[in-house]
Amino acid sequence: MFTFLRFLSSHITKFRLNISPKSNIFLTGIALVRGRNFTNLSRATMLQSPKIASQSRCMASVIIVKHDHKKFFIEVDGLIAFLKYDNNNGVMHITHTRVPTKLNGHGIGKILSKAALEYAIQHDLLIRISCPFVQHYVNKYEPKFHKYIL
């Protein structure tokens, strides 16, 4: 245990660089690492903690999806990610999804896609998808929505 504490105190800045300053991943990461046998772990393995993907990639604790006329959007640190759609004759036509480069890789597009698809189902709308990202999302993660897609 002494070796781990020495390692932790000497490399703590490197560990903190891998996480978002607005999250509590640091404490969670320590809790996940604490119960392990450290004699068999290499330095690189320790720096990869936490192991849970959703913890290591999250940006904020709570993400609020807002719905405006023909648009779903999420605002994070002054940046806006959005999904645009048209609603004609009981058909929701998803046309475009845009996530700022700084927010890429954090699942924001997936959250927007899921919100739009669930909105369509709740309001008894059929779905037409022109956005390649949303089409990929449905094919890979949400095949249950195929029965609602035109």
C-alpha atoms as a PDB file:
ATOM      1  CA  MET A   1       0.000   0.000   0.000  1.00  0.00           C
ATOM      2  CA  PHE A   2       2.890   2.347   0.732  1.00  0.00           C
ATOM      3  CA  THR A   3       4.075   2.017  -2.874  1.00  0.00           C
ATOM      4  CA  PHE A   4       0.654   3.007  -4.172  1.00  0.00           C
ATOM      5  CA  LEU A   5       0.479   6.079  -1.912  1.00  0.00           C
ATOM      6  CA  ARG A   6       3.934   7.160  -3.042  1.00  0.00           C
ATOM      7  CA  PHE A   7       2.884   6.612  -6.664  1.00  0.00           C
ATOM      8  CA  LEU A   8      -0.372   8.481  -6.137  1.00  0.00           C
ATOM      9  CA  SER A   9       1.273  11.504  -4.556  1.00  0.00           C
ATOM     10  CA  SER A  10       3.971  11.728  -7.230  1.00  0.00           C
ATOM     11  CA  HIS A  11       1.649  11.257 -10.240  1.00  0.00           C
ATOM     12  CA  ILE A  12      -1.558  12.886  -9.090  1.00  0.00           C
ATOM     13  CA  THR A  13      -1.316  15.702 -11.655  1.00  0.00           C
ATOM     14  CA  LYS A  14      -1.073  13.213 -14.512  1.00  0.00           C
ATOM     15  CA  PHE A  15      -4.161  11.425 -13.193  1.00  0.00           C
ATOM     16  CA  ARG A  16      -6.132  14.649 -12.964  1.00  0.00           C
ATOM     17  CA  LEU A  17      -5.332  15.611 -16.573  1.00  0.00           C
ATOM     18  CA  ASN A  18      -7.453  12.716 -17.828  1.00  0.00           C
ATOM     19  CA  ILE A  19     -10.683  13.896 -16.226  1.00  0.00           C
ATOM     20  CA  SER A  20     -13.106  16.758 -16.467  1.00  0.00           C
ATOM     21  CA  PRO A  21     -12.676  19.410 -13.762  1.00  0.00           C
ATOM     22  CA  LYS A  22     -16.451  19.627 -13.297  1.00  0.00           C
ATOM     23  CA  SER A  23     -16.970  15.988 -12.369  1.00  0.00           C
ATOM     24  CA  ASN A  24     -16.272  13.844  -9.343  1.00  0.00           C
ATOM     25  CA  ILE A  25     -14.346  11.243 -11.319  1.00  0.00           C
ATOM     26  CA  PHE A  26     -11.202  11.807  -9.276  1.00  0.00           C
ATOM     27  CA  LEU A  27     -12.790  10.539  -6.075  1.00  0.00           C
ATOM     28  CA  THR A  28     -14.606   7.742  -7.872  1.00  0.00           C
ATOM     29  CA  GLY A  29     -11.385   6.717  -9.596  1.00  0.00           C
ATOM     30  CA  ILE A  30      -9.567   6.464  -6.282  1.00  0.00           C
ATOM     31  CA  ALA A  31     -12.371   4.369  -4.819  1.00  0.00           C
ATOM     32  CA  LEU A  32     -12.250   2.014  -7.793  1.00  0.00           C
ATOM     33  CA  VAL A  33      -8.482   1.647  -7.570  1.00  0.00           C
ATOM     34  CA  ARG A  34      -8.284   1.321  -3.799  1.00  0.00           C
ATOM     35  CA  GLY A  35      -9.431  -2.299  -3.464  1.00  0.00           C
ATOM     36  CA  ARG A  36      -6.946  -3.733  -5.964  1.00  0.00           C
ATOM     37  CA  ASN A  37      -3.673  -5.547  -5.397  1.00  0.00           C
ATOM     38  CA  PHE A  38      -1.127  -3.007  -6.633  1.00  0.00           C
ATOM     39  CA  THR A  39       1.902  -5.256  -6.712  1.00  0.00           C
ATOM     40  CA  ASN A  40       0.867  -6.671 -10.099  1.00  0.00           C
ATOM     41  CA  LEU A  41      -0.238  -3.411 -11.711  1.00  0.00           C
ATOM     42  CA  SER A  42       1.995  -1.390 -13.955  1.00  0.00           C
ATOM     43  CA  ARG A  43       2.109   2.406 -13.885  1.00  0.00           C
ATOM     44  CA  ALA A  44       0.126   2.671 -17.134  1.00  0.00           C
ATOM     45  CA  THR A  45      -2.635   0.431 -15.780  1.00  0.00           C
ATOM     46  CA  MET A  46      -3.060   2.608 -12.710  1.00  0.00           C
ATOM     47  CA  LEU A  47      -3.306   5.788 -14.772  1.00  0.00           C
ATOM     48  CA  GLN A  48      -6.146   4.313 -16.827  1.00  0.00           C
ATOM     49  CA  SER A  49      -8.556   4.229 -13.878  1.00  0.00           C
ATOM     50  CA  PRO A  50     -11.479   4.681 -13.609  1.00  0.00           C
ATOM     51  CA  LYS A  51     -12.450   1.702 -15.757  1.00  0.00           C
ATOM     52  CA  ILE A  52     -16.149   2.510 -16.211  1.00  0.00           C
ATOM     53  CA  ALA A  53     -16.583   4.108 -19.647  1.00  0.00           C
ATOM     54  CA  SER A  54     -19.475   6.353 -18.691  1.00  0.00           C
ATOM     55  CA  GLN A  55     -17.469   7.840 -15.822  1.00  0.00           C
ATOM     56  CA  SER A  56     -14.307   8.425 -17.789  1.00  0.00           C
ATOM     57  CA  ARG A  57     -16.063  10.249 -20.648  1.00  0.00           C
ATOM     58  CA  CYS A  58     -18.813  12.226 -18.943  1.00  0.00           C
ATOM     59  CA  MET A  59     -18.754  15.998 -18.934  1.00  0.00           C
ATOM     60  CA  ALA A  60     -21.358  16.916 -16.365  1.00  0.00           C
ATOM     61  CA  SER A  61     -23.542  15.221 -13.794  1.00  0.00           C
ATOM     62  CA  VAL A  62     -26.822  16.393 -15.285  1.00  0.00           C
ATOM     63  CA  ILE A  63     -27.468  17.050 -18.959  1.00  0.00           C
ATOM     64  CA  ILE A  64     -30.716  18.819 -19.781  1.00  0.00           C
ATOM     65  CA  VAL A  65     -32.197  18.395 -23.244  1.00  0.00           C
ATOM     66  CA  LYS A  66     -34.311  21.396 -24.174  1.00  0.00           C
ATOM     67  CA  HIS A  67     -36.975  21.349 -26.849  1.00  0.00           C
ATOM     68  CA  ASP A  68     -37.772  24.413 -28.893  1.00  0.00           C
ATOM     69  CA  HIS A  69     -39.925  24.651 -32.006  1.00  0.00           C
ATOM     70  CA  LYS A  70     -38.438  22.072 -34.437  1.00  0.00           C
ATOM     71  CA  LYS A  71     -35.193  21.691 -32.483  1.00  0.00           C
ATOM     72  CA  PHE A  72     -33.756  19.716 -29.548  1.00  0.00           C
ATOM     73  CA  PHE A  73     -30.663  21.244 -28.001  1.00  0.00           C
ATOM     74  CA  ILE A  74     -28.181  20.910 -25.146  1.00  0.00           C
ATOM     75  CA  GLU A  75     -26.097  23.791 -23.837  1.00  0.00           C
ATOM     76  CA  VAL A  76     -22.765  22.962 -22.164  1.00  0.00           C
ATOM     77  CA  ASP A  77     -20.279  25.687 -21.192  1.00  0.00           C
ATOM     78  CA  GLY A  78     -21.864  28.166 -23.604  1.00  0.00           C
ATOM     79  CA  LEU A  79     -21.677  25.731 -26.543  1.00  0.00           C
ATOM     80  CA  ILE A  80     -24.905  24.488 -28.111  1.00  0.00           C
ATOM     81  CA  ALA A  81     -25.423  21.055 -29.651  1.00  0.00           C
ATOM     82  CA  PHE A  82     -28.687  20.627 -31.542  1.00  0.00           C
ATOM     83  CA  LEU A  83     -30.859  18.287 -33.584  1.00  0.00           C
ATOM     84  CA  LYS A  84     -33.232  19.849 -36.130  1.00  0.00           C
ATOM     85  CA  TYR A  85     -36.411  18.283 -37.454  1.00  0.00           C
ATOM     86  CA  ASP A  86     -39.580  19.092 -39.394  1.00  0.00           C
ATOM     87  CA  ASN A  87     -43.025  17.863 -38.423  1.00  0.00           C
ATOM     88  CA  ASN A  88     -45.488  17.477 -41.321  1.00  0.00           C
ATOM     89  CA  ASN A  89     -48.654  15.376 -41.476  1.00  0.00           C
ATOM     90  CA  GLY A  90     -47.750  13.123 -38.549  1.00  0.00           C
ATOM     91  CA  VAL A  91     -44.190  12.489 -39.759  1.00  0.00           C
ATOM     92  CA  MET A  92     -41.135  13.738 -37.886  1.00  0.00           C
ATOM     93  CA  HIS A  93     -38.354  14.319 -40.427  1.00  0.00           C
ATOM     94  CA  ILE A  94     -34.970  14.466 -38.639  1.00  0.00           C
ATOM     95  CA  THR A  95     -32.762  16.569 -40.890  1.00  0.00           C
ATOM     96  CA  HIS A  96     -29.573  17.565 -39.108  1.00  0.00           C
ATOM     97  CA  THR A  97     -27.533  17.023 -35.941  1.00  0.00           C
ATOM     98  CA  ARG A  98     -24.691  19.351 -34.948  1.00  0.00           C
ATOM     99  CA  VAL A  99     -22.351  18.934 -31.979  1.00  0.00           C
ATOM    100  CA  PRO A 100     -19.501  21.445 -31.487  1.00  0.00           C
ATOM    101  CA  THR A 101     -16.008  20.003 -31.833  1.00  0.00           C
ATOM    102  CA  LYS A 102     -15.191  20.598 -28.156  1.00  0.00           C
ATOM    103  CA  LEU A 103     -18.154  18.410 -27.143  1.00  0.00           C
ATOM    104  CA  ASN A 104     -17.400  15.530 -29.527  1.00  0.00           C
ATOM    105  CA  GLY A 105     -16.926  12.113 -27.985  1.00  0.00           C
ATOM    106  CA  HIS A 106     -19.075  12.679 -24.914  1.00  0.00           C
ATOM    107  CA  GLY A 107     -22.333  11.119 -26.125  1.00  0.00           C
ATOM    108  CA  ILE A 108     -24.159  14.407 -26.653  1.00  0.00           C
ATOM    109  CA  GLY A 109     -25.327  13.400 -30.145  1.00  0.00           C
ATOM    110  CA  LYS A 110     -26.654  10.101 -28.803  1.00  0.00           C
ATOM    111  CA  ILE A 111     -28.614  11.895 -26.101  1.00  0.00           C
ATOM    112  CA  LEU A 112     -30.141  14.277 -28.644  1.00  0.00           C
ATOM    113  CA  SER A 113     -31.021  11.402 -30.980  1.00  0.00           C
ATOM    114  CA  LYS A 114     -32.681   9.393 -28.244  1.00  0.00           C
ATOM    115  CA  ALA A 115     -34.663  12.421 -27.048  1.00  0.00           C
ATOM    116  CA  ALA A 116     -35.965  13.110 -30.561  1.00  0.00           C
ATOM    117  CA  LEU A 117     -36.902   9.488 -31.199  1.00  0.00           C
ATOM    118  CA  GLU A 118     -38.699   9.172 -27.869  1.00  0.00           C
ATOM    119  CA  TYR A 119     -40.535  12.442 -28.523  1.00  0.00           C
ATOM    120  CA  ALA A 120     -41.774  11.069 -31.851  1.00  0.00           C
ATOM    121  CA  ILE A 121     -43.044   7.872 -30.224  1.00  0.00           C
ATOM    122  CA  GLN A 122     -44.743   9.735 -27.364  1.00  0.00           C
ATOM    123  CA  HIS A 123     -46.576  11.974 -29.850  1.00  0.00           C
ATOM    124  CA  ASP A 124     -47.550   9.109 -32.221  1.00  0.00           C
ATOM    125  CA  LEU A 125     -45.381  10.377 -35.069  1.00  0.00           C
ATOM    126  CA  LEU A 126     -43.749   8.292 -37.769  1.00  0.00           C
ATOM    127  CA  ILE A 127     -40.052   9.005 -38.328  1.00  0.00           C
ATOM    128  CA  ARG A 128     -38.080   9.858 -41.464  1.00  0.00           C
ATOM    129  CA  ILE A 129     -34.325  10.253 -41.018  1.00  0.00           C
ATOM    130  CA  SER A 130     -32.084  12.264 -43.364  1.00  0.00           C
ATOM    131  CA  CYS A 131     -29.284  12.749 -40.835  1.00  0.00           C
ATOM    132  CA  PRO A 132     -26.551  10.095 -41.218  1.00  0.00           C
ATOM    133  CA  PHE A 133     -25.610  10.311 -37.528  1.00  0.00           C
ATOM    134  CA  VAL A 134     -29.135   9.561 -36.316  1.00  0.00           C
ATOM    135  CA  GLN A 135     -29.470   6.755 -38.883  1.00  0.00           C
ATOM    136  CA  HIS A 136     -26.241   5.204 -37.572  1.00  0.00           C
ATOM    137  CA  TYR A 137     -27.430   5.657 -33.980  1.00  0.00           C
ATOM    138  CA  VAL A 138     -30.705   3.833 -34.678  1.00  0.00           C
ATOM    139  CA  ASN A 139     -28.969   1.000 -36.533  1.00  0.00           C
ATOM    140  CA  LYS A 140     -26.321   0.482 -33.870  1.00  0.00           C
ATOM    141  CA  TYR A 141     -27.994   1.299 -30.538  1.00  0.00           C
ATOM    142  CA  GLU A 142     -31.778   1.531 -30.948  1.00  0.00           C
ATOM    143  CA  PRO A 143     -33.051  -1.035 -33.483  1.00  0.00           C
ATOM    144  CA  LYS A 144     -36.430  -1.022 -31.695  1.00  0.00           C
ATOM    145  CA  PHE A 145     -37.213   2.265 -33.511  1.00  0.00           C
ATOM    146  CA  HIS A 146     -36.998   0.637 -36.974  1.00  0.00           C
ATOM    147  CA  LYS A 147     -40.702  -0.178 -36.899  1.00  0.00           C
ATOM    148  CA  TYR A 148     -41.513   3.566 -36.704  1.00  0.00           C
ATOM    149  CA  ILE A 149     -39.165   4.664 -39.514  1.00  0.00           C
ATOM    150  CA  LEU A 150     -40.495   5.280 -43.034  1.00  0.00           C
END
